[in-house]
């Protein structure tokens, strides 16, 4: 009886160790660390009076980004989307748009990307950037007194908020 209990315990322990190793291996190798900053150029205009929730927003990587033995090449496409949008109105004189990043195209692959917008250059209208209180990993751009109008070619600076990993 004691042999059977010990065998069962040993089997359970080995099974747990195997599952733990499998879970760690699915996290993948870190390619680019969180807090990495780089420049992207807007390829899809954003206008709070024209865009709607769900619109895709495309950016072009403006510089090579070197990570942990890997590289994202200048000219790669970065994909995001509008997850909330507010026009100026009688209730609020502040226009807002919340953007979330989804992927960056790396060669023929799409790699998940979680980043925050930290600046727009130039920013003559003094657009403000805050983390979204509703959409984790979203950045809210807000402008008091008029609609937000970001034309194609506008330069953004973004910062990774999570590591980019390979499976």
Protein backbone atom coordinates (compact mmCIF):
# COMPACT_ATOMS: atom_id res chain seq x y z
CA UNK A 1 0.00 0.00 0.00
CA UNK A 2 2.78 2.39 0.93
CA UNK A 3 4.49 1.63 -2.40
CA UNK A 4 1.33 2.53 -4.31
CA UNK A 5 0.94 5.85 -2.45
CA UNK A 6 4.61 6.76 -3.00
CA UNK A 7 4.35 5.86 -6.69
CA UNK A 8 1.22 8.00 -7.04
CA UNK A 9 2.94 10.96 -5.28
CA UNK A 10 6.05 10.61 -7.42
CA UNK A 11 3.96 10.45 -10.61
CA UNK A 12 2.01 13.56 -9.59
CA UNK A 13 5.23 15.42 -8.80
CA UNK A 14 6.83 14.52 -12.13
CA UNK A 15 3.64 15.46 -13.99
CA UNK A 16 3.59 18.85 -12.24
CA UNK A 17 7.22 19.51 -13.13
CA UNK A 18 6.56 18.65 -16.79
CA UNK A 19 3.56 20.97 -16.91
CA UNK A 20 5.58 23.79 -15.33
CA UNK A 21 8.34 23.41 -17.90
CA UNK A 22 5.80 23.35 -20.72
CA UNK A 23 4.13 26.55 -19.42
CA UNK A 24 7.51 28.30 -19.23
CA UNK A 25 8.41 27.26 -22.77
CA UNK A 26 5.17 28.70 -24.20
CA UNK A 27 6.13 32.16 -22.96
CA UNK A 28 8.86 32.23 -25.58
CA UNK A 29 12.10 34.09 -25.95
CA UNK A 30 12.09 37.85 -25.36
CA UNK A 31 12.81 39.62 -28.66
CA UNK A 32 12.24 43.22 -27.56
CA UNK A 33 12.04 44.37 -23.95
CA UNK A 34 9.31 46.53 -22.45
CA UNK A 35 10.21 50.26 -22.29
CA UNK A 36 11.93 50.13 -25.69
CA UNK A 37 11.11 53.42 -27.46
CA UNK A 38 11.01 54.07 -31.18
CA UNK A 39 9.56 56.35 -33.83
CA UNK A 40 6.66 55.52 -36.17
CA UNK A 41 4.99 57.53 -38.92
CA UNK A 42 1.21 57.69 -39.34
CA UNK A 43 0.07 56.10 -42.60
CA UNK A 44 -3.68 56.38 -41.93
CA UNK A 45 -5.07 59.84 -41.05
CA UNK A 46 -6.94 60.17 -37.75
CA UNK A 47 -9.75 62.73 -37.44
CA UNK A 48 -12.12 62.67 -34.46
CA UNK A 49 -14.90 64.12 -36.63
CA UNK A 50 -14.54 61.39 -39.32
CA UNK A 51 -13.18 58.18 -37.78
CA UNK A 52 -15.27 55.66 -35.86
CA UNK A 53 -14.59 52.99 -33.25
CA UNK A 54 -13.06 49.94 -34.89
CA UNK A 55 -11.20 51.81 -37.63
CA UNK A 56 -7.78 50.35 -38.35
CA UNK A 57 -4.82 52.67 -38.03
CA UNK A 58 -1.58 51.90 -39.84
CA UNK A 59 1.88 53.25 -39.05
CA UNK A 60 5.30 52.78 -40.64
CA UNK A 61 8.37 52.09 -38.52
CA UNK A 62 10.64 55.10 -38.96
CA UNK A 63 13.85 53.50 -37.72
CA UNK A 64 15.42 50.09 -37.21
CA UNK A 65 14.67 48.73 -33.73
CA UNK A 66 17.29 46.39 -32.30
CA UNK A 67 16.29 44.02 -29.52
CA UNK A 68 17.64 40.91 -27.88
CA UNK A 69 19.40 39.51 -30.93
CA UNK A 70 16.55 40.49 -33.25
CA UNK A 71 15.64 43.52 -35.32
CA UNK A 72 12.52 45.26 -36.64
CA UNK A 73 13.42 46.96 -39.88
CA UNK A 74 12.65 50.55 -40.83
CA UNK A 75 9.61 50.52 -43.13
CA UNK A 76 7.85 47.68 -41.29
CA UNK A 77 4.13 48.19 -40.80
CA UNK A 78 2.68 48.67 -37.31
CA UNK A 79 -1.06 48.03 -36.95
CA UNK A 80 -3.38 49.58 -34.41
CA UNK A 81 -7.05 50.43 -34.04
CA UNK A 82 -9.35 53.06 -32.63
CA UNK A 83 -11.13 51.66 -29.55
CA UNK A 84 -12.96 54.83 -28.49
CA UNK A 85 -13.54 58.24 -29.96
CA UNK A 86 -15.31 61.41 -28.80
CA UNK A 87 -15.97 64.55 -30.82
CA UNK A 88 -16.25 67.94 -29.22
CA UNK A 89 -19.85 68.67 -28.21
CA UNK A 90 -22.03 70.90 -26.09
CA UNK A 91 -21.33 68.56 -23.15
CA UNK A 92 -17.57 68.42 -23.64
CA UNK A 93 -15.22 70.79 -25.41
CA UNK A 94 -12.49 68.11 -25.51
CA UNK A 95 -12.00 65.72 -28.42
CA UNK A 96 -10.57 62.29 -27.53
CA UNK A 97 -9.40 59.23 -29.41
CA UNK A 98 -8.05 56.04 -27.84
CA UNK A 99 -5.61 53.97 -29.91
CA UNK A 100 -4.38 50.46 -29.17
CA UNK A 101 -1.55 48.75 -31.00
CA UNK A 102 -1.99 45.16 -32.15
CA UNK A 103 0.83 43.90 -34.40
CA UNK A 104 4.00 44.75 -36.24
CA UNK A 105 4.73 42.99 -39.52
CA UNK A 106 8.13 41.32 -39.27
CA UNK A 107 9.02 39.79 -42.61
CA UNK A 108 6.07 37.55 -43.46
CA UNK A 109 4.99 37.20 -39.81
CA UNK A 110 2.79 39.34 -37.59
CA UNK A 111 4.19 39.86 -34.09
CA UNK A 112 1.98 40.99 -31.22
CA UNK A 113 2.84 44.50 -30.03
CA UNK A 114 1.66 46.30 -26.90
CA UNK A 115 2.79 49.93 -26.73
CA UNK A 116 1.81 53.39 -25.54
CA UNK A 117 2.05 56.64 -27.48
CA UNK A 118 4.31 59.05 -25.64
CA UNK A 119 4.52 61.94 -28.11
CA UNK A 120 3.55 63.37 -31.49
CA UNK A 121 6.00 65.56 -33.36
CA UNK A 122 5.29 68.30 -34.07
CA UNK A 123 2.48 68.84 -31.57
CA UNK A 124 1.42 72.48 -32.14
CA UNK A 125 -2.07 71.86 -30.75
CA UNK A 126 -0.70 70.47 -27.45
CA UNK A 127 -2.43 67.09 -27.67
CA UNK A 128 -2.23 65.30 -24.30
CA UNK A 129 -1.50 61.59 -23.87
CA UNK A 130 -2.82 59.44 -21.03
CA UNK A 131 -3.27 55.75 -20.37
CA UNK A 132 -6.84 54.69 -21.01
CA UNK A 133 -8.82 54.05 -17.82
CA UNK A 134 -11.10 51.68 -19.79
CA UNK A 135 -8.87 49.87 -22.30
CA UNK A 136 -5.73 48.45 -20.75
CA UNK A 137 -2.77 49.17 -23.04
CA UNK A 138 -4.70 51.91 -24.88
CA UNK A 139 -3.48 55.51 -25.16
CA UNK A 140 -6.00 58.38 -25.07
CA UNK A 141 -5.10 61.44 -27.12
CA UNK A 142 -7.11 64.50 -26.05
CA UNK A 143 -7.35 68.06 -27.33
CA UNK A 144 -9.35 70.83 -25.68
CA UNK A 145 -11.27 73.28 -27.84
CA UNK A 146 -11.22 71.54 -31.23
CA UNK A 147 -11.23 68.24 -33.09
CA UNK A 148 -8.07 66.14 -33.33
CA UNK A 149 -6.66 66.06 -36.86
CA UNK A 150 -3.59 63.92 -37.44
CA UNK A 151 -2.56 63.75 -41.07
CA UNK A 152 -0.67 60.98 -42.82
CA UNK A 153 3.05 61.47 -42.23
CA UNK A 154 2.72 62.69 -38.60
CA UNK A 155 5.53 61.32 -36.43
CA UNK A 156 4.77 59.44 -33.21
CA UNK A 157 7.08 58.19 -30.47
CA UNK A 158 5.91 54.99 -28.81
CA UNK A 159 7.15 52.83 -25.93
CA UNK A 160 6.62 49.10 -25.55
CA UNK A 161 4.60 48.40 -22.41
CA UNK A 162 5.15 44.62 -22.58
CA UNK A 163 7.97 42.46 -23.88
CA UNK A 164 7.65 41.19 -27.44
CA UNK A 165 8.28 37.45 -27.36
CA UNK A 166 8.62 34.66 -29.90
CA UNK A 167 6.97 31.31 -29.27
